Amino acid sequence: MQVTVTTIIFGLPQGQRTSQVEVPLPAPDLTLHDLIAFKVEQEVSEILTQQRLGLSGEYLTPEALILAREPLTPGAVEDEIQRAQQAFAARDFMIVIDDRQVWEADTIVNIRPGMRVEFIKILPLVGG
C-alpha cells in the first residue's frame, strides 16, 4: 500500500512551491503521527539516494524556507521526523485529507486508492 503526499507551501517570495512523494505504508490504517513519520522518512531516503534534491520543508521555519538558496538537506531521519511531528503539533503546517483538515496526530487514517493527502504550510505575510 502506498499514498501520494503533496506538499504545498504558500507565501514564498518566489511563489507557491509544490512537491510530491510516494510513501510506502505497512498497512492501510495508521495514525496521522505515523503518516508524518513515513512521509519524512521517505523524503530523507530519496535525498540520500539522490532521487530527490531536498526536503519539501513544510515543517521548517519560515526563515529557513525563505533564506534557502539551495535545496534543503536533512539531518538524521529520526531528528527530521521529530521536527515534523513537533511542527504539526504546534500547528506550523496542516494536513488535509480528501478536502478535510485533520487536527490530531492520533487520528486514525484509512488510506484508500486515489486518496488526496496534502501537507500545507502558509507563511506569514512580510511587511505591512
N, C-alpha and C. Protein backbone atom coordinates (compact mmCIF):
# COMPACT_ATOMS: atom_id res chain seq x y z
N MET A 1 0.85 -1.17 0.00
CA MET A 1 0.00 0.00 0.00
C MET A 1 0.89 1.23 0.00
N GLN A 2 0.50 2.23 -0.76
CA GLN A 2 1.22 3.49 -0.75
C GLN A 2 0.25 4.63 -1.03
N VAL A 3 0.72 5.83 -0.69
CA VAL A 3 -0.10 7.02 -0.89
C VAL A 3 0.81 8.13 -1.42
N THR A 4 0.25 8.96 -2.27
CA THR A 4 0.97 10.14 -2.75
C THR A 4 0.66 11.29 -1.80
N VAL A 5 1.71 11.89 -1.25
CA VAL A 5 1.55 13.06 -0.37
C VAL A 5 2.04 14.28 -1.14
N THR A 6 1.19 15.26 -1.26
CA THR A 6 1.54 16.52 -1.92
C THR A 6 1.81 17.56 -0.85
N THR A 7 2.93 18.23 -0.96
CA THR A 7 3.26 19.33 -0.05
C THR A 7 3.11 20.63 -0.82
N ILE A 8 2.39 21.58 -0.22
CA ILE A 8 2.18 22.89 -0.83
C ILE A 8 2.62 23.94 0.18
N ILE A 9 3.51 24.82 -0.26
CA ILE A 9 3.97 25.91 0.60
C ILE A 9 3.58 27.22 -0.07
N PHE A 10 2.75 27.99 0.62
CA PHE A 10 2.28 29.29 0.13
C PHE A 10 3.07 30.40 0.81
N GLY A 11 3.33 31.48 0.08
CA GLY A 11 3.91 32.67 0.68
C GLY A 11 5.40 32.84 0.50
N LEU A 12 6.03 31.98 -0.28
CA LEU A 12 7.46 32.15 -0.56
C LEU A 12 7.64 33.32 -1.52
N PRO A 13 8.75 34.06 -1.42
CA PRO A 13 8.96 35.19 -2.33
C PRO A 13 8.92 34.78 -3.80
N GLN A 14 9.37 33.57 -4.10
CA GLN A 14 9.37 33.11 -5.49
C GLN A 14 8.05 32.45 -5.89
N GLY A 15 7.07 32.47 -5.00
CA GLY A 15 5.74 31.93 -5.30
C GLY A 15 5.50 30.59 -4.64
N GLN A 16 4.36 30.04 -4.91
CA GLN A 16 3.95 28.76 -4.32
C GLN A 16 4.90 27.65 -4.76
N ARG A 17 5.22 26.74 -3.82
CA ARG A 17 6.05 25.59 -4.15
C ARG A 17 5.26 24.32 -3.84
N THR A 18 5.25 23.41 -4.79
CA THR A 18 4.54 22.14 -4.64
C THR A 18 5.50 21.00 -4.92
N SER A 19 5.43 19.96 -4.10
CA SER A 19 6.21 18.75 -4.36
C SER A 19 5.38 17.54 -3.96
N GLN A 20 5.78 16.39 -4.48
CA GLN A 20 5.07 15.15 -4.16
C GLN A 20 6.07 14.07 -3.81
N VAL A 21 5.60 13.13 -3.00
CA VAL A 21 6.39 11.95 -2.66
C VAL A 21 5.44 10.77 -2.54
N GLU A 22 5.87 9.64 -3.10
CA GLU A 22 5.12 8.39 -2.97
C GLU A 22 5.58 7.72 -1.68
N VAL A 23 4.66 7.51 -0.75
CA VAL A 23 5.01 6.99 0.57
C VAL A 23 4.51 5.55 0.70
N PRO A 24 5.43 4.59 0.80
CA PRO A 24 5.01 3.21 1.07
C PRO A 24 4.56 3.07 2.52
N LEU A 25 3.48 2.34 2.71
CA LEU A 25 2.92 2.18 4.05
C LEU A 25 2.81 0.69 4.39
N PRO A 26 3.03 0.34 5.66
CA PRO A 26 2.95 -1.06 6.05
C PRO A 26 1.51 -1.59 6.13
N ALA A 27 0.55 -0.68 6.29
CA ALA A 27 -0.86 -1.08 6.43
C ALA A 27 -1.72 0.11 6.02
N PRO A 28 -2.97 -0.13 5.62
CA PRO A 28 -3.83 0.97 5.20
C PRO A 28 -4.35 1.84 6.35
N ASP A 29 -4.33 1.31 7.56
CA ASP A 29 -4.80 2.08 8.72
C ASP A 29 -3.61 2.47 9.59
N LEU A 30 -3.45 3.76 9.80
CA LEU A 30 -2.36 4.24 10.63
C LEU A 30 -2.72 5.60 11.20
N THR A 31 -1.99 6.01 12.21
CA THR A 31 -2.25 7.32 12.80
C THR A 31 -1.62 8.40 11.93
N LEU A 32 -2.11 9.60 12.08
CA LEU A 32 -1.52 10.73 11.38
C LEU A 32 -0.06 10.90 11.81
N HIS A 33 0.21 10.66 13.07
CA HIS A 33 1.57 10.70 13.62
C HIS A 33 2.48 9.78 12.80
N ASP A 34 2.02 8.55 12.54
CA ASP A 34 2.81 7.59 11.76
C ASP A 34 2.93 8.02 10.30
N LEU A 35 1.86 8.57 9.73
CA LEU A 35 1.90 9.03 8.35
C LEU A 35 2.97 10.12 8.18
N ILE A 36 3.04 11.04 9.12
CA ILE A 36 4.08 12.08 9.08
C ILE A 36 5.46 11.43 9.09
N ALA A 37 5.65 10.45 9.98
CA ALA A 37 6.95 9.78 10.09
C ALA A 37 7.32 9.07 8.79
N PHE A 38 6.39 8.32 8.20
CA PHE A 38 6.68 7.60 6.96
C PHE A 38 6.97 8.56 5.82
N LYS A 39 6.26 9.68 5.77
CA LYS A 39 6.47 10.67 4.71
C LYS A 39 7.86 11.28 4.81
N VAL A 40 8.24 11.70 6.01
CA VAL A 40 9.56 12.31 6.21
C VAL A 40 10.66 11.28 5.94
N GLU A 41 10.48 10.07 6.44
CA GLU A 41 11.47 9.01 6.22
C GLU A 41 11.68 8.75 4.72
N GLN A 42 10.59 8.73 3.95
CA GLN A 42 10.70 8.51 2.51
C GLN A 42 11.45 9.65 1.83
N GLU A 43 11.15 10.89 2.20
CA GLU A 43 11.86 12.02 1.61
C GLU A 43 13.36 11.95 1.91
N VAL A 44 13.70 11.70 3.16
CA VAL A 44 15.12 11.62 3.54
C VAL A 44 15.80 10.50 2.76
N SER A 45 15.15 9.35 2.65
CA SER A 45 15.70 8.23 1.90
C SER A 45 15.95 8.62 0.44
N GLU A 46 15.00 9.30 -0.17
CA GLU A 46 15.15 9.72 -1.56
C GLU A 46 16.28 10.74 -1.73
N ILE A 47 16.47 11.60 -0.75
CA ILE A 47 17.57 12.57 -0.82
C ILE A 47 18.90 11.84 -0.73
N LEU A 48 19.00 10.90 0.20
CA LEU A 48 20.26 10.17 0.39
C LEU A 48 20.62 9.30 -0.82
N THR A 49 19.62 8.85 -1.57
CA THR A 49 19.89 8.05 -2.77
C THR A 49 19.83 8.90 -4.03
N GLN A 50 19.82 10.20 -3.87
CA GLN A 50 19.87 11.18 -4.95
C GLN A 50 18.69 11.05 -5.92
N GLN A 51 17.53 10.65 -5.40
CA GLN A 51 16.31 10.61 -6.20
C GLN A 51 15.50 11.88 -6.00
N ARG A 52 15.91 12.71 -5.06
CA ARG A 52 15.21 13.94 -4.71
C ARG A 52 16.27 14.97 -4.34
N LEU A 53 16.03 16.23 -4.70
CA LEU A 53 17.00 17.28 -4.43
C LEU A 53 17.03 17.73 -2.97
N GLY A 54 15.86 17.87 -2.35
CA GLY A 54 15.82 18.38 -0.98
C GLY A 54 14.48 18.13 -0.34
N LEU A 55 14.40 18.49 0.93
CA LEU A 55 13.17 18.33 1.70
C LEU A 55 12.06 19.22 1.15
N SER A 56 10.83 18.78 1.29
CA SER A 56 9.71 19.63 0.89
C SER A 56 9.58 20.81 1.83
N GLY A 57 9.89 20.61 3.12
CA GLY A 57 10.06 21.71 4.05
C GLY A 57 8.86 22.22 4.80
N GLU A 58 7.73 21.54 4.77
CA GLU A 58 6.54 22.07 5.45
C GLU A 58 6.74 22.25 6.95
N TYR A 59 7.66 21.54 7.54
CA TYR A 59 7.85 21.64 8.99
C TYR A 59 9.02 22.56 9.37
N LEU A 60 9.65 23.17 8.40
CA LEU A 60 10.75 24.09 8.69
C LEU A 60 10.22 25.49 9.00
N THR A 61 11.07 26.29 9.60
CA THR A 61 10.66 27.66 9.94
C THR A 61 10.51 28.49 8.67
N PRO A 62 9.69 29.53 8.73
CA PRO A 62 9.58 30.42 7.57
C PRO A 62 10.94 30.98 7.15
N GLU A 63 11.77 31.32 8.13
CA GLU A 63 13.10 31.87 7.83
C GLU A 63 13.94 30.88 7.04
N ALA A 64 13.94 29.61 7.48
CA ALA A 64 14.72 28.59 6.78
C ALA A 64 14.23 28.42 5.34
N LEU A 65 12.93 28.47 5.14
CA LEU A 65 12.39 28.32 3.79
C LEU A 65 12.70 29.52 2.91
N ILE A 66 12.55 30.71 3.46
CA ILE A 66 12.75 31.94 2.67
C ILE A 66 14.22 32.16 2.35
N LEU A 67 15.10 31.87 3.31
CA LEU A 67 16.53 32.14 3.12
C LEU A 67 17.28 31.03 2.38
N ALA A 68 16.65 29.89 2.16
CA ALA A 68 17.32 28.77 1.49
C ALA A 68 17.69 29.14 0.06
N ARG A 69 18.96 29.02 -0.23
CA ARG A 69 19.46 29.31 -1.59
C ARG A 69 19.68 28.01 -2.37
N GLU A 70 19.76 26.91 -1.64
CA GLU A 70 19.96 25.60 -2.25
C GLU A 70 18.90 24.66 -1.71
N PRO A 71 18.76 23.47 -2.31
CA PRO A 71 17.79 22.51 -1.78
C PRO A 71 18.04 22.23 -0.30
N LEU A 72 16.97 22.02 0.43
CA LEU A 72 17.05 21.81 1.88
C LEU A 72 17.50 20.38 2.18
N THR A 73 18.67 20.25 2.81
CA THR A 73 19.20 18.92 3.11
C THR A 73 18.82 18.51 4.53
N PRO A 74 18.56 17.22 4.72
CA PRO A 74 18.10 16.75 6.02
C PRO A 74 19.24 16.42 6.98
N GLY A 75 18.88 16.38 8.26
CA GLY A 75 19.75 15.81 9.27
C GLY A 75 19.42 14.34 9.39
N ALA A 76 19.67 13.75 10.53
CA ALA A 76 19.33 12.35 10.78
C ALA A 76 17.82 12.16 10.65
N VAL A 77 17.42 11.04 10.10
CA VAL A 77 15.99 10.80 9.84
C VAL A 77 15.16 10.91 11.12
N GLU A 78 15.66 10.41 12.23
CA GLU A 78 14.90 10.49 13.49
C GLU A 78 14.70 11.94 13.92
N ASP A 79 15.73 12.76 13.71
CA ASP A 79 15.62 14.19 14.05
C ASP A 79 14.60 14.89 13.16
N GLU A 80 14.62 14.56 11.87
CA GLU A 80 13.68 15.19 10.94
C GLU A 80 12.24 14.78 11.26
N ILE A 81 12.04 13.51 11.60
CA ILE A 81 10.69 13.05 11.97
C ILE A 81 10.21 13.79 13.21
N GLN A 82 11.08 13.90 14.19
CA GLN A 82 10.70 14.60 15.43
C GLN A 82 10.37 16.07 15.14
N ARG A 83 11.17 16.72 14.31
CA ARG A 83 10.90 18.12 13.95
C ARG A 83 9.54 18.25 13.27
N ALA A 84 9.24 17.32 12.35
CA ALA A 84 7.97 17.38 11.62
C ALA A 84 6.79 17.15 12.56
N GLN A 85 6.91 16.17 13.44
CA GLN A 85 5.81 15.89 14.36
C GLN A 85 5.59 17.03 15.34
N GLN A 86 6.68 17.64 15.80
CA GLN A 86 6.55 18.80 16.70
C GLN A 86 5.94 19.99 15.97
N ALA A 87 6.33 20.20 14.72
CA ALA A 87 5.78 21.31 13.94
C ALA A 87 4.28 21.11 13.71
N PHE A 88 3.86 19.87 13.45
CA PHE A 88 2.44 19.61 13.28
C PHE A 88 1.69 19.89 14.58
N ALA A 89 2.23 19.42 15.69
CA ALA A 89 1.59 19.66 17.00
C ALA A 89 1.49 21.15 17.30
N ALA A 90 2.46 21.94 16.84
CA ALA A 90 2.47 23.38 17.07
C ALA A 90 1.63 24.13 16.02
N ARG A 91 1.01 23.39 15.11
CA ARG A 91 0.17 23.96 14.04
C ARG A 91 0.99 24.82 13.05
N ASP A 92 2.25 24.43 12.85
CA ASP A 92 3.10 25.13 11.89
C ASP A 92 2.76 24.75 10.45
N PHE A 93 2.10 23.63 10.27
CA PHE A 93 1.56 23.24 8.97
C PHE A 93 0.30 22.42 9.23
N MET A 94 -0.49 22.26 8.20
CA MET A 94 -1.73 21.49 8.36
C MET A 94 -1.73 20.32 7.41
N ILE A 95 -2.56 19.33 7.74
CA ILE A 95 -2.73 18.17 6.88
C ILE A 95 -4.19 18.09 6.48
N VAL A 96 -4.41 17.99 5.17
CA VAL A 96 -5.75 17.91 4.62
C VAL A 96 -5.86 16.58 3.86
N ILE A 97 -6.86 15.80 4.21
CA ILE A 97 -7.09 14.51 3.57
C ILE A 97 -8.46 14.55 2.91
N ASP A 98 -8.46 14.41 1.60
CA ASP A 98 -9.71 14.48 0.83
C ASP A 98 -10.55 15.69 1.23
N ASP A 99 -9.94 16.87 1.21
CA ASP A 99 -10.59 18.16 1.49
C ASP A 99 -11.06 18.33 2.93
N ARG A 100 -10.53 17.54 3.85
CA ARG A 100 -10.91 17.66 5.27
C ARG A 100 -9.63 17.81 6.09
N GLN A 101 -9.56 18.89 6.83
CA GLN A 101 -8.39 19.11 7.67
C GLN A 101 -8.43 18.17 8.87
N VAL A 102 -7.30 17.54 9.15
CA VAL A 102 -7.19 16.64 10.29
C VAL A 102 -6.31 17.34 11.32
N TRP A 103 -6.81 17.44 12.54
CA TRP A 103 -6.15 18.25 13.56
C TRP A 103 -5.29 17.47 14.54
N GLU A 104 -5.64 16.23 14.82
CA GLU A 104 -4.98 15.48 15.89
C GLU A 104 -4.06 14.40 15.36
N ALA A 105 -2.85 14.32 15.90
CA ALA A 105 -1.85 13.36 15.45
C ALA A 105 -2.24 11.92 15.71
N ASP A 106 -3.12 11.68 16.68
CA ASP A 106 -3.52 10.31 16.98
C ASP A 106 -4.76 9.86 16.20
N THR A 107 -5.23 10.69 15.27
CA THR A 107 -6.35 10.33 14.41
C THR A 107 -5.96 9.15 13.52
N ILE A 108 -6.80 8.14 13.44
CA ILE A 108 -6.55 7.00 12.56
C ILE A 108 -7.00 7.37 11.15
N VAL A 109 -6.11 7.15 10.20
CA VAL A 109 -6.39 7.43 8.80
C VAL A 109 -6.47 6.09 8.07
N ASN A 110 -7.52 5.90 7.29
CA ASN A 110 -7.66 4.71 6.47
C ASN A 110 -7.30 5.09 5.04
N ILE A 111 -6.12 4.68 4.61
CA ILE A 111 -5.63 5.03 3.28
C ILE A 111 -6.36 4.18 2.24
N ARG A 112 -6.89 4.87 1.23
CA ARG A 112 -7.59 4.22 0.13
C ARG A 112 -6.97 4.65 -1.19
N PRO A 113 -7.10 3.83 -2.22
CA PRO A 113 -6.60 4.24 -3.54
C PRO A 113 -7.24 5.56 -3.97
N GLY A 114 -6.43 6.44 -4.51
CA GLY A 114 -6.92 7.72 -5.00
C GLY A 114 -7.13 8.78 -3.94
N MET A 115 -6.81 8.47 -2.70
CA MET A 115 -6.99 9.43 -1.61
C MET A 115 -6.02 10.61 -1.81
N ARG A 116 -6.51 11.82 -1.55
CA ARG A 116 -5.66 13.02 -1.65
C ARG A 116 -5.16 13.40 -0.26
N VAL A 117 -3.84 13.40 -0.11
CA VAL A 117 -3.22 13.78 1.16
C VAL A 117 -2.33 14.98 0.87
N GLU A 118 -2.59 16.08 1.58
CA GLU A 118 -1.81 17.31 1.36
C GLU A 118 -1.27 17.82 2.68
N PHE A 119 0.01 18.16 2.67
CA PHE A 119 0.66 18.84 3.79
C PHE A 119 0.79 20.29 3.34
N ILE A 120 0.18 21.21 4.05
CA ILE A 120 0.10 22.61 3.61
C ILE A 120 0.73 23.53 4.64
N LYS A 121 1.60 24.39 4.16
CA LYS A 121 2.21 25.42 5.02
C LYS A 121 1.93 26.77 4.39
N ILE A 122 1.45 27.68 5.22
CA ILE A 122 1.19 29.05 4.77
C ILE A 122 2.11 29.96 5.55
N LEU A 123 3.01 30.61 4.86
CA LEU A 123 3.96 31.51 5.51
C LEU A 123 3.29 32.84 5.82
N PRO A 124 3.67 33.46 6.93
CA PRO A 124 3.08 34.77 7.27
C PRO A 124 3.52 35.83 6.27
N LEU A 125 2.65 36.82 6.09
CA LEU A 125 2.98 37.93 5.20
C LEU A 125 4.08 38.78 5.85
N VAL A 126 4.94 39.29 4.99
CA VAL A 126 6.04 40.14 5.46
C VAL A 126 5.74 41.57 5.06
N GLY A 127 6.10 42.51 5.91
CA GLY A 127 5.89 43.92 5.58
C GLY A 127 4.56 44.41 6.14
N GLY A 128 4.13 45.50 5.60
CA GLY A 128 2.89 45.88 6.18
C GLY A 128 2.23 47.04 5.70
